[in-house]
Each structure stands twice: as structure tokens, then as C-alpha cells.
């Protein structure tokens, strides 16, 4: 089930609260994905997974409204 950008941020927050090194790495990736998508004009209610599946990496996702 896809997660929204808001849920991605909430997961990152949770993982940052854990004192486990692998959780910190996951949190960094979640935070990066969410902030890049927000910078590209996506809302906190947009799903992250379909964008990553289509474009492969968050850096390749076009700005909101310019998707093909």
C-alpha cells in the first residue's frame, strides 16, 4: 500500500527516535524523499511509492504538474 509524503515524514520521525543505526539510515532516506518531493511541488497527501516506481529515484521525479 503506497504511503503519502506525510506518512513518510512520520515514519522518518519515528525511525529517528530509535537508537538503532539501521533505523537512522532509513530515516535519512525517508526524510530526503519527502523533502525533495515537497520542493518539487507535491503535497503531503501525494503517494511516494508510485512516483519512485515510475521514476526510479526521487531526483528523477519531475515537478508536480509536469509529470508525463
N, C-alpha and C. Protein backbone atom coordinates (compact mmCIF):
# COMPACT_ATOMS: atom_id res chain seq x y z
N UNK A 1 0.85 -1.18 0.00
CA UNK A 1 0.00 0.00 0.00
C UNK A 1 0.89 1.24 0.00
N UNK A 2 0.68 2.16 -0.95
CA UNK A 2 1.51 3.35 -1.01
C UNK A 2 1.36 4.22 0.25
N UNK A 3 2.43 4.93 0.56
CA UNK A 3 2.36 5.86 1.69
C UNK A 3 2.44 7.28 1.16
N UNK A 4 1.80 8.17 1.87
CA UNK A 4 1.83 9.59 1.47
C UNK A 4 3.13 10.22 1.96
N UNK A 5 3.39 11.41 1.48
CA UNK A 5 4.57 12.15 1.93
C UNK A 5 4.47 12.42 3.42
N UNK A 6 3.28 12.72 3.92
CA UNK A 6 3.10 12.93 5.36
C UNK A 6 3.47 11.67 6.13
N UNK A 7 3.00 10.52 5.67
CA UNK A 7 3.33 9.26 6.35
C UNK A 7 4.83 8.97 6.27
N UNK A 8 5.45 9.34 5.16
CA UNK A 8 6.89 9.18 5.01
C UNK A 8 7.62 10.02 6.06
N UNK A 9 7.17 11.24 6.27
CA UNK A 9 7.76 12.10 7.29
C UNK A 9 7.53 11.55 8.70
N UNK A 10 6.35 11.03 8.93
CA UNK A 10 6.05 10.44 10.24
C UNK A 10 6.92 9.22 10.49
N UNK A 11 7.11 8.39 9.45
CA UNK A 11 7.99 7.23 9.59
C UNK A 11 9.43 7.66 9.85
N UNK A 12 9.88 8.70 9.15
CA UNK A 12 11.23 9.20 9.37
C UNK A 12 11.39 9.68 10.81
N UNK A 13 10.40 10.40 11.31
CA UNK A 13 10.45 10.87 12.70
C UNK A 13 10.54 9.70 13.66
N UNK A 14 9.72 8.68 13.45
CA UNK A 14 9.75 7.50 14.31
C UNK A 14 11.12 6.83 14.26
N UNK A 15 11.64 6.65 13.04
CA UNK A 15 12.94 5.99 12.90
C UNK A 15 14.07 6.80 13.52
N UNK A 16 13.97 8.12 13.48
CA UNK A 16 14.99 8.95 14.11
C UNK A 16 14.94 8.84 15.63
N UNK A 17 13.77 8.54 16.17
CA UNK A 17 13.63 8.39 17.62
C UNK A 17 14.25 7.09 18.11
N UNK A 18 14.40 6.11 17.21
CA UNK A 18 15.00 4.83 17.58
C UNK A 18 16.51 5.02 17.69
N UNK A 19 17.11 4.29 18.55
CA UNK A 19 18.55 4.42 18.75
C UNK A 19 19.30 3.30 18.02
N UNK A 20 18.86 3.00 16.81
CA UNK A 20 19.46 1.93 16.02
C UNK A 20 20.05 2.52 14.75
N UNK A 21 21.27 2.14 14.44
CA UNK A 21 21.94 2.74 13.28
C UNK A 21 21.20 2.47 11.97
N UNK A 22 20.63 1.25 11.79
CA UNK A 22 19.93 0.97 10.54
C UNK A 22 18.66 1.81 10.42
N UNK A 23 18.00 2.11 11.54
CA UNK A 23 16.79 2.94 11.51
C UNK A 23 17.15 4.38 11.15
N UNK A 24 18.30 4.83 11.56
CA UNK A 24 18.75 6.19 11.23
C UNK A 24 18.96 6.33 9.72
N UNK A 25 19.53 5.29 9.11
CA UNK A 25 19.75 5.32 7.65
C UNK A 25 18.43 5.34 6.89
N UNK A 26 17.48 4.55 7.34
CA UNK A 26 16.16 4.54 6.72
C UNK A 26 15.50 5.90 6.88
N UNK A 27 15.62 6.48 8.05
CA UNK A 27 15.02 7.80 8.31
C UNK A 27 15.61 8.87 7.41
N UNK A 28 16.92 8.83 7.19
CA UNK A 28 17.56 9.81 6.31
C UNK A 28 16.99 9.71 4.89
N UNK A 29 16.82 8.48 4.41
CA UNK A 29 16.27 8.29 3.06
C UNK A 29 14.82 8.76 2.99
N UNK A 30 14.02 8.43 4.00
CA UNK A 30 12.62 8.85 4.02
C UNK A 30 12.52 10.38 4.06
N UNK A 31 13.33 11.00 4.89
CA UNK A 31 13.31 12.46 5.00
C UNK A 31 13.75 13.10 3.69
N UNK A 32 14.78 12.55 3.08
CA UNK A 32 15.26 13.07 1.79
C UNK A 32 14.17 12.98 0.73
N UNK A 33 13.55 11.80 0.62
CA UNK A 33 12.50 11.62 -0.38
C UNK A 33 11.36 12.60 -0.18
N UNK A 34 10.93 12.75 1.06
CA UNK A 34 9.80 13.65 1.35
C UNK A 34 10.15 15.10 1.04
N UNK A 35 11.33 15.55 1.46
CA UNK A 35 11.67 16.96 1.25
C UNK A 35 11.87 17.27 -0.23
N UNK A 36 12.48 16.36 -0.98
CA UNK A 36 12.66 16.59 -2.41
C UNK A 36 11.31 16.69 -3.11
N UNK A 37 10.40 15.78 -2.78
CA UNK A 37 9.07 15.82 -3.41
C UNK A 37 8.30 17.08 -3.01
N UNK A 38 8.40 17.50 -1.78
CA UNK A 38 7.75 18.75 -1.37
C UNK A 38 8.34 19.93 -2.12
N UNK A 39 9.66 19.95 -2.28
CA UNK A 39 10.32 21.02 -3.04
C UNK A 39 9.87 21.04 -4.50
N UNK A 40 9.47 19.89 -5.02
CA UNK A 40 9.03 19.80 -6.40
C UNK A 40 7.53 20.09 -6.55
N UNK A 41 6.89 20.49 -5.47
CA UNK A 41 5.50 20.92 -5.56
C UNK A 41 4.47 19.89 -5.18
N UNK A 42 4.90 18.71 -4.76
CA UNK A 42 3.94 17.68 -4.35
C UNK A 42 3.42 18.03 -2.96
N UNK A 43 2.20 17.57 -2.67
CA UNK A 43 1.60 17.87 -1.38
C UNK A 43 1.85 16.72 -0.41
N UNK A 44 1.60 16.98 0.86
CA UNK A 44 1.80 15.94 1.87
C UNK A 44 0.85 14.76 1.68
N UNK A 45 -0.18 14.92 0.86
CA UNK A 45 -1.14 13.85 0.61
C UNK A 45 -0.82 13.02 -0.64
N UNK A 46 0.21 13.40 -1.39
CA UNK A 46 0.61 12.63 -2.57
C UNK A 46 1.33 11.36 -2.13
N UNK A 47 1.13 10.27 -2.89
CA UNK A 47 1.78 9.00 -2.59
C UNK A 47 3.21 8.99 -3.11
N UNK A 48 4.11 8.47 -2.30
CA UNK A 48 5.53 8.41 -2.65
C UNK A 48 5.85 7.22 -3.54
N UNK A 49 5.38 6.04 -3.18
CA UNK A 49 5.77 4.81 -3.86
C UNK A 49 5.51 4.80 -5.37
N UNK A 50 4.33 5.23 -5.84
CA UNK A 50 4.11 5.22 -7.29
C UNK A 50 5.10 6.12 -8.04
N UNK A 51 5.47 7.23 -7.43
CA UNK A 51 6.44 8.13 -8.06
C UNK A 51 7.80 7.46 -8.15
N UNK A 52 8.23 6.80 -7.06
CA UNK A 52 9.53 6.13 -7.06
C UNK A 52 9.52 4.94 -8.02
N UNK A 53 8.41 4.23 -8.09
CA UNK A 53 8.32 3.10 -9.02
C UNK A 53 8.41 3.56 -10.47
N UNK A 54 7.76 4.67 -10.78
CA UNK A 54 7.75 5.16 -12.15
C UNK A 54 9.09 5.78 -12.55
N UNK A 55 9.69 6.57 -11.65
CA UNK A 55 10.86 7.35 -12.00
C UNK A 55 12.17 6.78 -11.48
N UNK A 56 12.11 5.78 -10.59
CA UNK A 56 13.32 5.11 -10.12
C UNK A 56 14.01 5.76 -8.95
N UNK A 57 14.08 7.06 -8.94
CA UNK A 57 14.72 7.80 -7.84
C UNK A 57 14.00 9.13 -7.71
N UNK A 58 13.97 9.63 -6.51
CA UNK A 58 13.24 10.87 -6.25
C UNK A 58 13.82 12.05 -7.05
N UNK A 59 15.11 12.00 -7.32
CA UNK A 59 15.74 13.07 -8.11
C UNK A 59 15.23 13.10 -9.54
N UNK A 60 14.73 11.98 -10.04
CA UNK A 60 14.24 11.91 -11.42
C UNK A 60 12.76 12.27 -11.56
N UNK A 61 12.08 12.39 -10.44
CA UNK A 61 10.65 12.74 -10.47
C UNK A 61 10.52 14.19 -10.94
N UNK A 62 9.71 14.44 -11.95
CA UNK A 62 9.54 15.83 -12.42
C UNK A 62 8.73 16.66 -11.42
N UNK A 63 8.76 17.95 -11.59
CA UNK A 63 7.97 18.82 -10.75
C UNK A 63 6.48 18.49 -10.91
N UNK A 64 5.72 18.75 -9.86
CA UNK A 64 4.27 18.50 -9.89
C UNK A 64 3.65 19.26 -11.05
N UNK A 65 2.80 18.59 -11.79
CA UNK A 65 2.14 19.20 -12.94
C UNK A 65 2.90 19.00 -14.24
N UNK A 66 4.15 18.52 -14.16
CA UNK A 66 4.96 18.29 -15.35
C UNK A 66 5.23 16.81 -15.57
N UNK A 67 4.48 15.94 -14.83
CA UNK A 67 4.66 14.50 -14.99
C UNK A 67 4.11 14.08 -16.35
N UNK A 68 4.69 13.04 -16.91
CA UNK A 68 4.21 12.52 -18.20
C UNK A 68 3.15 11.50 -17.99
